[in-house]
Amino acid sequence: MVIYANRETGTVQGEFAERLLASALTNKAGTLVEAGHPDDAMRRYEEVLRVQQKDFGDEHPETASTLNNMAGVFKQQGKYKEAMQRYEEVLWVH
């Protein structure tokens, strides 16, 4: 695996670059949730989900983990219908 990172531009290129970015965004989203910024966290999780669905598909444990994280944010926001939809997607994967 070869990855090139440019510190000045903040870009990452190479094999698995999108997966590395998704991992970083997942960590950032978790930090945003803990800091009380659920909307910002959800935007990060949506980016992660797009990458994971493209790279892994809808039935992969990584995708399910992100869906579960998103459900937790919805639940925290009191958006129970949206949370339930995401939790159902997680159950479908497992």
Protein backbone atom coordinates (compact mmCIF):
# COMPACT_ATOMS: atom_id res chain seq x y z
CA MET A 1 0.00 0.00 0.00
CA VAL A 2 1.43 3.35 -1.05
CA ILE A 3 -0.09 6.56 0.23
CA TYR A 4 1.13 10.07 -0.47
CA ALA A 5 0.15 12.85 1.90
CA ASN A 6 0.69 16.53 1.23
CA ARG A 7 0.84 18.43 4.48
CA GLU A 8 0.45 21.84 2.80
CA THR A 9 -2.73 21.02 0.91
CA GLY A 10 -4.10 18.40 3.29
CA THR A 11 -4.59 15.94 0.44
CA VAL A 12 -3.99 12.22 0.43
CA GLN A 13 -3.47 10.23 -2.75
CA GLY A 14 -2.77 6.65 -3.59
CA GLU A 15 -4.18 3.22 -3.00
CA PHE A 16 -6.73 3.17 -0.17
CA ALA A 17 -6.60 6.97 0.19
CA GLU A 18 -10.39 7.22 0.39
CA ARG A 19 -10.51 4.57 3.10
CA LEU A 20 -7.86 6.44 5.08
CA LEU A 21 -9.88 9.64 4.70
CA ALA A 22 -13.03 7.81 5.82
CA SER A 23 -11.24 6.59 8.92
CA ALA A 24 -10.07 10.10 9.76
CA LEU A 25 -13.55 11.50 9.17
CA THR A 26 -15.04 8.85 11.45
CA ASN A 27 -12.68 9.90 14.22
CA LYS A 28 -13.48 13.57 13.60
CA ALA A 29 -17.22 12.87 13.66
CA GLY A 30 -16.92 11.09 17.00
CA THR A 31 -15.04 14.06 18.42
CA LEU A 32 -17.70 16.44 17.10
CA VAL A 33 -20.47 14.39 18.72
CA GLU A 34 -18.66 14.49 22.06
CA ALA A 35 -18.14 18.26 21.67
CA GLY A 36 -21.86 18.83 21.11
CA HIS A 37 -21.82 19.43 17.35
CA PRO A 38 -24.09 16.67 16.02
CA ASP A 39 -24.91 18.39 12.71
CA ASP A 40 -21.23 18.69 11.82
CA ALA A 41 -20.69 15.10 12.91
CA MET A 42 -23.53 13.90 10.71
CA ARG A 43 -22.00 15.59 7.67
CA ARG A 44 -18.77 13.70 8.30
CA TYR A 45 -20.61 10.40 8.76
CA GLU A 46 -22.46 10.98 5.47
CA GLU A 47 -19.13 11.39 3.68
CA VAL A 48 -17.82 8.23 5.33
CA LEU A 49 -20.94 6.30 4.36
CA ARG A 50 -20.56 7.29 0.70
CA VAL A 51 -16.97 6.03 0.63
CA GLN A 52 -17.81 2.80 2.44
CA GLN A 53 -20.80 2.01 0.25
CA LYS A 54 -18.65 2.57 -2.83
CA ASP A 55 -15.66 0.56 -1.57
CA PHE A 56 -17.33 -2.14 0.54
CA GLY A 57 -21.00 -2.18 -0.44
CA ASP A 58 -24.13 -1.94 1.69
CA GLU A 59 -23.65 -5.24 3.54
CA HIS A 60 -20.21 -4.71 5.05
CA PRO A 61 -19.53 -4.41 8.81
CA GLU A 62 -17.74 -1.06 8.32
CA THR A 63 -20.81 0.32 6.57
CA ALA A 64 -23.03 -1.02 9.35
CA SER A 65 -20.82 0.63 11.97
CA THR A 66 -21.22 4.01 10.31
CA LEU A 67 -24.98 3.54 10.03
CA ASN A 68 -25.04 2.71 13.73
CA ASN A 69 -23.05 5.85 14.55
CA MET A 70 -25.47 7.92 12.49
CA ALA A 71 -28.43 6.37 14.30
CA GLY A 72 -26.86 7.32 17.61
CA VAL A 73 -26.52 10.94 16.51
CA PHE A 74 -30.14 11.03 15.34
CA LYS A 75 -31.22 9.54 18.68
CA GLN A 76 -29.19 12.13 20.58
CA GLN A 77 -30.94 14.87 18.56
CA GLY A 78 -34.37 13.44 19.34
CA LYS A 79 -34.89 12.42 15.70
CA TYR A 80 -36.23 9.01 16.62
CA LYS A 81 -37.79 8.16 13.25
CA GLU A 82 -34.48 8.75 11.45
CA ALA A 83 -32.62 6.86 14.18
CA MET A 84 -34.95 3.88 13.83
CA GLN A 85 -34.46 3.84 10.05
CA ARG A 86 -30.68 3.69 10.46
CA TYR A 87 -30.89 1.03 13.18
CA GLU A 88 -33.08 -1.08 10.85
CA GLU A 89 -30.44 -0.75 8.12
CA VAL A 90 -27.82 -1.95 10.60
CA LEU A 91 -29.93 -4.99 11.48
CA TRP A 92 -30.37 -5.74 7.78
CA VAL A 93 -26.57 -5.88 7.39
CA HIS A 94 -26.16 -8.25 10.32
